[in-house]
PDB file of all heavy atoms in Angstrom:
ATOM      1  N   ASP A   1      25.259 124.595 165.404  1.00  0.00           N
ATOM      2  CA  ASP A   1      25.555 125.989 165.044  1.00  0.00           C
ATOM      3  C   ASP A   1      26.740 126.070 164.094  1.00  0.00           C
ATOM      4  O   ASP A   1      26.745 126.844 163.134  1.00  0.00           O
ATOM      5  CB  ASP A   1      25.843 126.785 166.318  1.00  0.00           C
ATOM      6  CG  ASP A   1      25.777 128.286 166.080  1.00  0.00           C
ATOM      7  OD1 ASP A   1      25.325 128.701 164.994  1.00  0.00           O
ATOM      8  OD2 ASP A   1      26.182 129.046 166.980  1.00  0.00           O
ATOM      9  N   MET A   2      27.786 125.254 164.341  1.00  0.00           N
ATOM     10  CA  MET A   2      28.969 125.254 163.480  1.00  0.00           C
ATOM     11  C   MET A   2      28.643 124.739 162.075  1.00  0.00           C
ATOM     12  O   MET A   2      29.081 125.306 161.066  1.00  0.00           O
ATOM     13  CB  MET A   2      30.056 124.393 164.106  1.00  0.00           C
ATOM     14  CG  MET A   2      31.353 124.348 163.308  1.00  0.00           C
ATOM     15  SD  MET A   2      32.467 123.060 163.899  1.00  0.00           S
ATOM     16  CE  MET A   2      31.547 121.579 163.454  1.00  0.00           C
ATOM     17  N   LEU A   3      27.854 123.641 161.994  1.00  0.00           N
ATOM     18  CA  LEU A   3      27.490 123.076 160.695  1.00  0.00           C
ATOM     19  C   LEU A   3      26.697 124.080 159.858  1.00  0.00           C
ATOM     20  O   LEU A   3      26.983 124.287 158.671  1.00  0.00           O
ATOM     21  CB  LEU A   3      26.678 121.793 160.898  1.00  0.00           C
ATOM     22  CG  LEU A   3      27.432 120.567 161.408  1.00  0.00           C
ATOM     23  CD1 LEU A   3      26.455 119.447 161.733  1.00  0.00           C
ATOM     24  CD2 LEU A   3      28.456 120.096 160.392  1.00  0.00           C
ATOM     25  N   ILE A   4      25.705 124.683 160.473  1.00  0.00           N
ATOM     26  CA  ILE A   4      24.868 125.629 159.741  1.00  0.00           C
ATOM     27  C   ILE A   4      25.683 126.840 159.295  1.00  0.00           C
ATOM     28  O   ILE A   4      25.504 127.366 158.181  1.00  0.00           O
ATOM     29  CB  ILE A   4      23.673 126.054 160.613  1.00  0.00           C
ATOM     30  CG1 ILE A   4      22.719 124.864 160.794  1.00  0.00           C
ATOM     31  CG2 ILE A   4      22.935 127.233 159.999  1.00  0.00           C
ATOM     32  CD1 ILE A   4      21.523 125.157 161.650  1.00  0.00           C
ATOM     33  N   SER A   5      26.594 127.280 160.137  1.00  0.00           N
ATOM     34  CA  SER A   5      27.446 128.405 159.766  1.00  0.00           C
ATOM     35  C   SER A   5      28.315 128.064 158.554  1.00  0.00           C
ATOM     36  O   SER A   5      28.473 128.877 157.629  1.00  0.00           O
ATOM     37  CB  SER A   5      28.321 128.806 160.954  1.00  0.00           C
ATOM     38  OG  SER A   5      29.188 129.857 160.610  1.00  0.00           O
ATOM     39  N   ASN A   6      28.864 126.851 158.520  1.00  0.00           N
ATOM     40  CA  ASN A   6      29.680 126.426 157.379  1.00  0.00           C
ATOM     41  C   ASN A   6      28.845 126.293 156.118  1.00  0.00           C
ATOM     42  O   ASN A   6      29.304 126.641 155.021  1.00  0.00           O
ATOM     43  CB  ASN A   6      30.366 125.101 157.696  1.00  0.00           C
ATOM     44  CG  ASN A   6      31.397 125.222 158.796  1.00  0.00           C
ATOM     45  OD1 ASN A   6      31.916 126.316 159.050  1.00  0.00           O
ATOM     46  ND2 ASN A   6      31.710 124.120 159.462  1.00  0.00           N
ATOM     47  N   TRP A   7      27.628 125.782 156.249  1.00  0.00           N
ATOM     48  CA  TRP A   7      26.770 125.643 155.071  1.00  0.00           C
ATOM     49  C   TRP A   7      26.448 127.006 154.457  1.00  0.00           C
ATOM     50  O   TRP A   7      26.409 127.152 153.232  1.00  0.00           O
ATOM     51  CB  TRP A   7      25.468 124.930 155.446  1.00  0.00           C
ATOM     52  CG  TRP A   7      25.660 123.542 155.970  1.00  0.00           C
ATOM     53  CD1 TRP A   7      26.779 122.764 155.830  1.00  0.00           C
ATOM     54  CD2 TRP A   7      24.730 122.769 156.729  1.00  0.00           C
ATOM     55  NE1 TRP A   7      26.609 121.557 156.465  1.00  0.00           N
ATOM     56  CE2 TRP A   7      25.364 121.524 157.018  1.00  0.00           C
ATOM     57  CE3 TRP A   7      23.447 122.985 157.197  1.00  0.00           C
ATOM     58  CZ2 TRP A   7      24.732 120.527 157.750  1.00  0.00           C
ATOM     59  CZ3 TRP A   7      22.819 121.995 157.928  1.00  0.00           C
ATOM     60  CH2 TRP A   7      23.443 120.773 158.196  1.00  0.00           C
ATOM     61  N   LYS A   8      26.218 127.978 155.306  1.00  0.00           N
ATOM     62  CA  LYS A   8      25.911 129.328 154.804  1.00  0.00           C
ATOM     63  C   LYS A   8      27.121 129.966 154.133  1.00  0.00           C
ATOM     64  O   LYS A   8      26.992 130.644 153.107  1.00  0.00           O
ATOM     65  CB  LYS A   8      25.412 130.200 155.952  1.00  0.00           C
ATOM     66  CG  LYS A   8      24.056 129.784 156.508  1.00  0.00           C
ATOM     67  CD  LYS A   8      23.651 130.624 157.706  1.00  0.00           C
ATOM     68  CE  LYS A   8      23.437 132.055 157.317  1.00  0.00           C
ATOM     69  NZ  LYS A   8      22.977 132.879 158.458  1.00  0.00           N
ATOM     70  N   LYS A   9      28.307 129.740 154.687  1.00  0.00           N
ATOM     71  CA  LYS A   9      29.511 130.341 154.115  1.00  0.00           C
ATOM     72  C   LYS A   9      29.822 129.772 152.737  1.00  0.00           C
ATOM     73  O   LYS A   9      30.155 130.507 151.809  1.00  0.00           O
ATOM     74  CB  LYS A   9      30.695 130.114 155.056  1.00  0.00           C
ATOM     75  CG  LYS A   9      30.642 130.928 156.330  1.00  0.00           C
ATOM     76  CD  LYS A   9      31.840 130.629 157.214  1.00  0.00           C
ATOM     77  CE  LYS A   9      31.787 131.422 158.511  1.00  0.00           C
ATOM     78  NZ  LYS A   9      32.941 131.107 159.407  1.00  0.00           N
ATOM     79  N   GLU A  10      29.738 128.453 152.585  1.00  0.00           N
ATOM     80  CA  GLU A  10      30.099 127.846 151.310  1.00  0.00           C
ATOM     81  C   GLU A  10      29.031 128.059 150.239  1.00  0.00           C
ATOM     82  O   GLU A  10      29.298 127.818 149.056  1.00  0.00           O
ATOM     83  CB  GLU A  10      30.327 126.343 151.496  1.00  0.00           C
ATOM     84  CG  GLU A  10      29.090 125.550 151.891  1.00  0.00           C
ATOM     85  CD  GLU A  10      29.378 124.074 152.112  1.00  0.00           C
ATOM     86  OE1 GLU A  10      30.576 123.713 152.057  1.00  0.00           O
ATOM     87  OE2 GLU A  10      28.425 123.301 152.333  1.00  0.00           O
ATOM     88  N   ALA A  11      27.841 128.525 150.626  1.00  0.00           N
ATOM     89  CA  ALA A  11      26.770 128.757 149.654  1.00  0.00           C
ATOM     90  C   ALA A  11      26.703 130.204 149.191  1.00  0.00           C
ATOM     91  O   ALA A  11      25.790 130.564 148.429  1.00  0.00           O
ATOM     92  CB  ALA A  11      25.424 128.341 150.261  1.00  0.00           C
ATOM     93  N   VAL A  12      27.660 131.024 149.623  1.00  0.00           N
ATOM     94  CA  VAL A  12      27.617 132.451 149.262  1.00  0.00           C
ATOM     95  C   VAL A  12      27.723 132.641 147.762  1.00  0.00           C
ATOM     96  O   VAL A  12      27.043 133.487 147.169  1.00  0.00           O
ATOM     97  CB  VAL A  12      28.757 133.203 149.995  1.00  0.00           C
ATOM     98  CG1 VAL A  12      28.852 134.637 149.482  1.00  0.00           C
ATOM     99  CG2 VAL A  12      28.519 133.182 151.492  1.00  0.00           C
ATOM    100  N   GLU A  13      28.549 131.817 147.094  1.00  0.00           N
ATOM    101  CA  GLU A  13      28.786 131.979 145.660  1.00  0.00           C
ATOM    102  C   GLU A  13      27.789 131.200 144.811  1.00  0.00           C
ATOM    103  O   GLU A  13      27.935 131.166 143.590  1.00  0.00           O
ATOM    104  CB  GLU A  13      30.202 131.533 145.328  1.00  0.00           C
ATOM    105  CG  GLU A  13      31.287 132.323 146.068  1.00  0.00           C
ATOM    106  CD  GLU A  13      32.673 131.812 145.753  1.00  0.00           C
ATOM    107  OE1 GLU A  13      32.767 130.807 145.008  1.00  0.00           O
ATOM    108  OE2 GLU A  13      33.652 132.411 146.224  1.00  0.00           O
ATOM    109  N   PHE A  14      26.825 130.567 145.431  1.00  0.00           N
ATOM    110  CA  PHE A  14      25.874 129.743 144.682  1.00  0.00           C
ATOM    111  C   PHE A  14      24.459 130.307 144.810  1.00  0.00           C
ATOM    112  O   PHE A  14      24.189 131.183 145.639  1.00  0.00           O
ATOM    113  CB  PHE A  14      25.913 128.295 145.175  1.00  0.00           C
ATOM    114  CG  PHE A  14      27.248 127.623 144.986  1.00  0.00           C
ATOM    115  CD1 PHE A  14      28.185 127.600 146.010  1.00  0.00           C
ATOM    116  CD2 PHE A  14      27.574 127.028 143.780  1.00  0.00           C
ATOM    117  CE1 PHE A  14      29.408 126.987 145.856  1.00  0.00           C
ATOM    118  CE2 PHE A  14      28.796 126.400 143.604  1.00  0.00           C
ATOM    119  CZ  PHE A  14      29.722 126.393 144.648  1.00  0.00           C
ATOM    120  N   GLU A  15      23.588 129.756 143.991  1.00  0.00           N
ATOM    121  CA  GLU A  15      22.223 130.283 143.919  1.00  0.00           C
ATOM    122  C   GLU A  15      21.385 129.877 145.118  1.00  0.00           C
ATOM    123  O   GLU A  15      20.650 130.685 145.677  1.00  0.00           O
ATOM    124  CB  GLU A  15      21.565 129.796 142.620  1.00  0.00           C
ATOM    125  CG  GLU A  15      20.157 130.295 142.420  1.00  0.00           C
ATOM    126  CD  GLU A  15      19.541 129.776 141.139  1.00  0.00           C
ATOM    127  OE1 GLU A  15      20.253 129.086 140.376  1.00  0.00           O
ATOM    128  OE2 GLU A  15      18.353 130.057 140.894  1.00  0.00           O
ATOM    129  N   GLN A  16      21.502 128.624 145.526  1.00  0.00           N
ATOM    130  CA  GLN A  16      20.687 128.101 146.622  1.00  0.00           C
ATOM    131  C   GLN A  16      21.322 128.439 147.972  1.00  0.00           C
ATOM    132  O   GLN A  16      22.547 128.573 148.073  1.00  0.00           O
ATOM    133  CB  GLN A  16      20.520 126.588 146.487  1.00  0.00           C
ATOM    134  CG  GLN A  16      19.817 126.148 145.214  1.00  0.00           C
ATOM    135  CD  GLN A  16      18.385 126.627 145.150  1.00  0.00           C
ATOM    136  OE1 GLN A  16      17.731 126.811 146.172  1.00  0.00           O
ATOM    137  NE2 GLN A  16      17.888 126.854 143.939  1.00  0.00           N
ATOM    138  N   PRO A  17      20.515 128.577 149.035  1.00  0.00           N
ATOM    139  CA  PRO A  17      21.062 128.966 150.348  1.00  0.00           C
ATOM    140  C   PRO A  17      21.927 127.906 151.017  1.00  0.00           C
ATOM    141  O   PRO A  17      22.678 128.215 151.928  1.00  0.00           O
ATOM    142  CB  PRO A  17      19.809 129.258 151.182  1.00  0.00           C
ATOM    143  CG  PRO A  17      18.714 128.525 150.503  1.00  0.00           C
ATOM    144  CD  PRO A  17      19.046 128.516 149.054  1.00  0.00           C
ATOM    145  N   SER A  18      21.834 126.644 150.587  1.00  0.00           N
ATOM    146  CA  SER A  18      22.680 125.590 151.138  1.00  0.00           C
ATOM    147  C   SER A  18      22.743 124.440 150.136  1.00  0.00           C
ATOM    148  O   SER A  18      21.965 124.375 149.183  1.00  0.00           O
ATOM    149  CB  SER A  18      22.154 125.089 152.488  1.00  0.00           C
ATOM    150  OG  SER A  18      20.988 124.301 152.309  1.00  0.00           O
ATOM    151  N   LYS A  19      23.666 123.530 150.388  1.00  0.00           N
ATOM    152  CA  LYS A  19      23.817 122.389 149.486  1.00  0.00           C
ATOM    153  C   LYS A  19      22.601 121.472 149.532  1.00  0.00           C
ATOM    154  O   LYS A  19      22.281 120.802 148.537  1.00  0.00           O
ATOM    155  CB  LYS A  19      25.078 121.603 149.845  1.00  0.00           C
ATOM    156  CG  LYS A  19      25.160 121.171 151.297  1.00  0.00           C
ATOM    157  CD  LYS A  19      26.537 120.613 151.621  1.00  0.00           C
ATOM    158  CE  LYS A  19      26.693 120.296 153.099  1.00  0.00           C
ATOM    159  NZ  LYS A  19      28.078 119.860 153.430  1.00  0.00           N
ATOM    160  N   PHE A  20      21.901 121.431 150.659  1.00  0.00           N
ATOM    161  CA  PHE A  20      20.707 120.593 150.754  1.00  0.00           C
ATOM    162  C   PHE A  20      19.541 121.220 149.992  1.00  0.00           C
ATOM    163  O   PHE A  20      18.710 120.500 149.426  1.00  0.00           O
ATOM    164  CB  PHE A  20      20.354 120.369 152.224  1.00  0.00           C
ATOM    165  CG  PHE A  20      21.469 119.768 153.016  1.00  0.00           C
ATOM    166  CD1 PHE A  20      22.143 120.500 153.976  1.00  0.00           C
ATOM    167  CD2 PHE A  20      21.873 118.462 152.792  1.00  0.00           C
ATOM    168  CE1 PHE A  20      23.180 119.956 154.702  1.00  0.00           C
ATOM    169  CE2 PHE A  20      22.913 117.902 153.515  1.00  0.00           C
ATOM    170  CZ  PHE A  20      23.579 118.655 154.469  1.00  0.00           C
ATOM    171  N   HIS A  21      19.484 122.523 149.957  1.00  0.00           N
ATOM    172  CA  HIS A  21      18.490 123.189 149.120  1.00  0.00           C
ATOM    173  C   HIS A  21      18.775 122.919 147.641  1.00  0.00           C
ATOM    174  O   HIS A  21      17.843 122.757 146.846  1.00  0.00           O
ATOM    175  CB  HIS A  21      18.494 124.692 149.388  1.00  0.00           C
ATOM    176  CG  HIS A  21      17.935 125.073 150.728  1.00  0.00           C
ATOM    177  ND1 HIS A  21      18.686 125.030 151.881  1.00  0.00           N
ATOM    178  CD2 HIS A  21      16.695 125.488 151.101  1.00  0.00           C
ATOM    179  CE1 HIS A  21      17.939 125.414 152.912  1.00  0.00           C
ATOM    180  NE2 HIS A  21      16.735 125.706 152.469  1.00  0.00           N
ATOM    181  N   PHE A  22      20.063 122.862 147.277  1.00  0.00           N
ATOM    182  CA  PHE A  22      20.406 122.544 145.887  1.00  0.00           C
ATOM    183  C   PHE A  22      19.954 121.134 145.525  1.00  0.00           C
ATOM    184  O   PHE A  22      19.393 120.899 144.445  1.00  0.00           O
ATOM    185  CB  PHE A  22      21.917 122.683 145.666  1.00  0.00           C
ATOM    186  CG  PHE A  22      22.385 122.032 144.394  1.00  0.00           C
ATOM    187  CD1 PHE A  22      22.163 122.651 143.161  1.00  0.00           C
ATOM    188  CD2 PHE A  22      23.022 120.803 144.419  1.00  0.00           C
ATOM    189  CE1 PHE A  22      22.581 122.040 141.989  1.00  0.00           C
ATOM    190  CE2 PHE A  22      23.445 120.190 143.251  1.00  0.00           C
ATOM    191  CZ  PHE A  22      23.223 120.814 142.023  1.00  0.00           C
ATOM    192  N   LEU A  23      20.234 120.155 146.420  1.00  0.00           N
ATOM    193  CA  LEU A  23      19.816 118.779 146.135  1.00  0.00           C
ATOM    194  C   LEU A  23      18.304 118.685 145.975  1.00  0.00           C
ATOM    195  O   LEU A  23      17.804 117.996 145.076  1.00  0.00           O
ATOM    196  CB  LEU A  23      20.283 117.861 147.258  1.00  0.00           C
ATOM    197  CG  LEU A  23      21.759 117.446 147.249  1.00  0.00           C
ATOM    198  CD1 LEU A  23      22.111 116.697 148.530  1.00  0.00           C
ATOM    199  CD2 LEU A  23      22.066 116.589 146.033  1.00  0.00           C
ATOM    200  N   ALA A  24      17.573 119.359 146.840  1.00  0.00           N
ATOM    201  CA  ALA A  24      16.111 119.340 146.745  1.00  0.00           C
ATOM    202  C   ALA A  24      15.649 119.960 145.434  1.00  0.00           C
ATOM    203  O   ALA A  24      14.706 119.459 144.795  1.00  0.00           O
ATOM    204  CB  ALA A  24      15.501 120.076 147.932  1.00  0.00           C
TER     205      ALA A  24
END
């Protein structure tokens, strides 16, 4: 839960919903 919450917070300013979506 903590990891997913951090991924969502840091992706607010980016196009993709998370850094793993960006890599894909």
